[in-house]
Protein backbone atom coordinates (compact mmCIF):
# COMPACT_ATOMS: atom_id res chain seq x y z
CA MET A 1 137.70 68.25 135.00
CA LYS A 2 134.30 67.37 136.30
CA ILE A 3 134.15 70.66 138.18
CA GLN A 4 135.02 72.56 135.02
CA HIS A 5 132.38 70.80 133.01
CA LEU A 6 129.80 71.50 135.83
CA LEU A 7 130.71 75.23 135.83
CA LEU A 8 130.53 75.44 132.05
CA ALA A 9 127.19 73.73 131.96
CA THR A 10 125.79 76.07 134.67
CA LEU A 11 127.08 79.07 132.83
CA ALA A 12 125.52 77.87 129.54
CA LEU A 13 122.19 77.31 131.23
CA SER A 14 122.34 80.79 132.84
CA ILE A 15 122.95 82.43 129.52
CA TYR A 16 120.21 80.48 127.79
CA ALA A 17 117.79 81.28 130.65
CA GLY A 18 118.70 84.95 130.30
CA CYS A 19 118.24 85.04 126.65
CA LYS A 20 114.98 83.24 126.96
CA ASP A 21 113.80 85.85 129.50
CA ASP A 22 114.85 88.72 127.22
CA GLN A 23 112.97 87.23 124.21
CA SER A 24 109.83 86.52 126.34
CA ASP A 25 109.82 90.17 127.43
CA ALA A 26 110.09 91.45 123.83
CA LYS A 27 106.88 91.80 121.73
CA ILE A 28 105.88 91.88 118.13
CA TYR A 29 103.01 94.24 117.17
CA ALA A 30 101.39 93.23 113.82
CA VAL A 31 99.83 95.95 111.71
CA ASN A 32 96.06 96.01 111.74
CA GLU A 33 95.42 96.55 108.03
CA LYS A 34 91.85 97.76 108.51
CA SER A 35 92.73 100.64 110.81
CA SER A 36 96.13 101.54 109.34
CA LYS A 37 97.10 103.39 106.20
CA ILE A 38 99.67 105.36 104.37
CA GLU A 39 98.29 108.67 102.95
CA TRP A 40 100.02 110.47 100.04
CA LYS A 41 99.78 113.83 98.44
CA GLY A 42 101.31 114.42 95.02
CA SER A 43 101.46 118.03 93.73
CA ALA A 44 101.92 120.09 90.55
CA PRO A 45 102.38 123.86 90.79
CA ASP A 46 98.63 124.49 90.23
CA HIS A 47 96.85 121.38 91.63
CA PHE A 48 97.40 118.17 93.78
CA HIS A 49 95.86 114.78 94.34
CA VAL A 50 95.55 112.82 97.61
CA GLY A 51 95.06 109.19 98.37
CA SER A 52 96.27 106.25 100.36
CA PHE A 53 97.91 102.76 100.36
CA VAL A 54 97.35 99.65 102.54
CA VAL A 55 100.28 98.83 104.78
CA GLN A 56 101.26 95.33 106.11
CA GLY A 57 103.93 94.26 108.55
CA HIS A 58 104.93 94.58 112.12
CA LEU A 59 106.98 96.52 114.72
CA THR A 60 109.19 94.99 117.43
CA VAL A 61 109.45 96.36 120.89
CA ASP A 62 112.17 95.37 123.54
CA LYS A 63 111.54 94.48 127.09
CA GLY A 64 111.95 98.07 128.08
CA GLY A 65 109.00 99.11 125.87
CA ARG A 66 111.16 100.75 123.21
CA VAL A 67 110.67 100.20 119.54
CA ASN A 68 113.77 98.47 118.12
CA GLY A 69 112.76 97.18 114.70
CA GLY A 70 110.07 96.51 112.14
CA ASP A 71 109.34 95.42 108.61
CA PHE A 72 106.53 96.75 106.31
CA LYS A 73 105.27 95.92 102.88
CA ILE A 74 103.05 98.28 100.75
CA PRO A 75 101.03 96.55 97.98
CA ILE A 76 100.95 99.17 95.21
CA ALA A 77 97.74 97.70 93.82
CA SER A 78 95.97 98.96 96.99
CA ILE A 79 96.48 102.58 95.95
CA GLN A 80 93.43 104.88 96.40
CA ASN A 81 92.48 108.42 95.37
CA TYR A 82 90.28 110.63 97.49
CA ASP A 83 89.64 113.72 95.47
CA LEU A 84 88.48 112.86 91.89
CA PRO A 85 85.17 111.58 90.55
CA ASP A 86 85.10 107.86 89.65
CA GLU A 87 86.00 108.06 85.99
CA GLN A 88 88.92 110.43 86.48
CA LYS A 89 90.02 108.49 89.61
CA GLU A 90 90.39 105.33 87.59
CA GLN A 91 92.42 107.12 84.88
CA LEU A 92 94.74 108.56 87.52
CA LEU A 93 95.24 105.17 89.43
CA THR A 94 95.84 103.25 86.16
CA HIS A 95 98.49 105.89 85.20
CA LEU A 96 100.16 105.71 88.59
CA LYS A 97 100.39 101.85 88.26
CA SER A 98 102.01 102.26 84.82
CA PRO A 99 105.74 102.39 83.92
CA ASP A 100 105.58 106.20 84.20
CA PHE A 101 105.33 105.77 87.97
CA PHE A 102 105.21 102.61 90.10
CA ASN A 103 105.46 100.07 87.17
CA ILE A 104 103.36 97.63 89.18
CA ALA A 105 103.75 94.78 86.73
CA ILE A 106 107.45 94.53 87.61
CA HIS A 107 107.45 96.11 91.07
CA PRO A 108 104.17 95.17 92.93
CA HIS A 109 105.33 96.14 96.37
CA ALA A 110 107.32 98.83 98.16
CA GLU A 111 109.04 97.84 101.39
CA PHE A 112 110.50 99.50 104.45
CA HIS A 113 113.04 97.86 106.94
CA ILE A 114 113.76 99.71 110.17
CA THR A 115 117.52 99.68 110.95
CA GLU A 116 117.43 102.19 113.87
CA ALA A 117 114.87 103.67 116.19
CA GLY A 118 116.24 106.34 118.48
CA PRO A 119 114.93 109.23 120.61
CA TYR A 120 113.71 112.38 118.74
CA GLN A 121 113.93 115.87 120.14
CA SER A 122 113.41 118.74 117.59
CA ASP A 123 110.90 121.45 116.72
CA ASP A 124 110.57 120.42 113.11
CA PRO A 125 107.16 121.88 112.05
CA ASP A 126 106.53 119.04 109.58
CA ALA A 127 106.99 116.30 112.18
CA ALA A 128 104.07 114.41 113.68
CA GLU A 129 102.64 115.97 116.79
CA ASP A 130 104.42 114.66 119.91
CA ALA A 131 107.08 112.87 117.88
CA ASN A 132 109.28 110.85 120.21
CA TYR A 133 111.28 108.62 117.80
CA LEU A 134 113.60 109.18 114.92
CA ILE A 135 113.00 106.19 112.63
CA SER A 136 115.74 105.22 110.15
CA GLY A 137 115.73 102.42 107.61
CA SER A 138 115.90 101.15 104.06
CA PHE A 139 113.03 102.01 101.74
CA THR A 140 112.67 100.01 98.52
CA MET A 141 110.54 101.29 95.62
CA ILE A 142 110.46 100.44 91.93
CA GLY A 143 113.67 98.36 92.26
CA GLN A 144 115.78 100.88 94.13
CA THR A 145 116.63 100.95 97.87
CA HIS A 146 117.73 104.09 99.70
CA GLN A 147 117.98 105.07 103.30
CA ILE A 148 115.40 107.42 104.84
CA SER A 149 114.92 108.91 108.31
CA PHE A 150 111.83 110.59 109.74
CA PRO A 151 110.37 111.62 113.11
CA ALA A 152 107.39 109.55 114.42
CA SER A 153 105.12 109.47 117.34
CA ILE A 154 104.86 105.97 118.76
CA THR A 155 102.96 105.08 121.86
CA ILE A 156 101.76 101.83 123.47
CA GLU A 157 98.25 102.16 124.97
CA GLY A 158 97.18 99.03 126.78
CA ALA A 159 97.91 96.14 124.46
CA GLN A 160 97.99 98.25 121.27
CA LEU A 161 100.79 100.21 119.55
CA ILE A 162 99.92 103.38 117.71
CA ALA A 163 102.41 105.10 115.35
CA ARG A 164 102.08 108.31 113.38
CA ALA A 165 104.44 110.18 111.11
CA SER A 166 104.51 112.89 108.56
CA PHE A 167 107.38 113.49 106.13
CA LYS A 168 108.27 114.00 102.40
CA LEU A 169 109.85 111.63 99.90
CA ASN A 170 111.63 112.86 96.88
CA ARG A 171 110.45 110.55 94.11
CA LEU A 172 113.40 111.40 91.95
CA LYS A 173 115.69 109.52 94.28
CA TRP A 174 114.09 106.27 93.40
CA GLY A 175 114.11 106.94 89.66
CA MET A 176 110.51 108.06 89.31
CA THR A 177 111.37 110.86 86.94
CA SER A 178 108.32 111.19 84.70
CA TYR A 179 106.86 114.76 84.37
CA ASN A 180 109.99 116.30 85.90
CA ASP A 181 110.56 119.09 83.37
CA PRO A 182 109.20 122.48 84.64
CA GLU A 183 109.01 123.61 80.96
CA GLU A 184 106.53 120.88 80.02
CA PRO A 185 102.68 121.25 80.20
CA LEU A 186 102.54 118.82 83.07
CA TYR A 187 105.18 119.22 85.72
CA LEU A 188 104.98 117.27 89.01
CA LEU A 189 106.89 118.49 92.04
CA PRO A 190 109.62 116.02 93.21
CA ASP A 191 108.40 115.78 96.85
CA VAL A 192 105.49 113.61 97.74
CA GLU A 193 103.97 114.17 101.11
CA ILE A 194 103.51 111.15 103.27
CA LYS A 195 101.40 110.57 106.47
CA LEU A 196 101.59 107.21 108.25
CA LYS A 197 98.96 105.94 110.64
CA ILE A 198 99.71 102.56 112.06
CA MET A 199 97.41 100.71 114.53
CA SER A 200 98.59 97.42 115.75
CA ASP A 201 96.79 94.26 116.80
CA THR A 202 97.57 93.10 120.39
CA GLY A 203 101.29 92.62 120.97
CA GLN A 204 102.46 89.06 120.89
CA ASP A 205 105.49 87.70 122.73
CA LYS A 206 108.54 87.45 120.52
């Protein structure tokens, strides 16, 4: 019995040590909010507007240097517009925060949780240059959660992780259905163009 207990204890210690080594080799890369952003482009048939959001969160990387997870939060109040003069800009941003669009009083954040990060090999012209990952996960906006996938270019340069992606989101899928009638004076196209630029702080051991 003593030998069995000794063997079991040795096995348990070995498993614990192995898990500890795996965790110590994994890293968490927190988003640097000052150098990261999510850019958007919303279009009508005859014009468009562009702007950005702040992004918060982190990516996780395994001991082999491969991205294997991440969680992000997008504060809707951070929305910016790039193309309008100040007075019109404030009118647009106020409208985008209203129940017609993001309904910020009830849904102040959008969120994205990565569920899978695999290799990407394709010639999609809309993909980020040098895309090497296919990122999949659950995206929550105005109270609805749906799965999305998009190609991304993710590299680790020294102690910093850099991620870029370009893709389209169909706003109708999340219930953002205002101005969706082509026969009305103002008609907005369903797809919103998204560009991600994520720059991390120095990776920390997990």
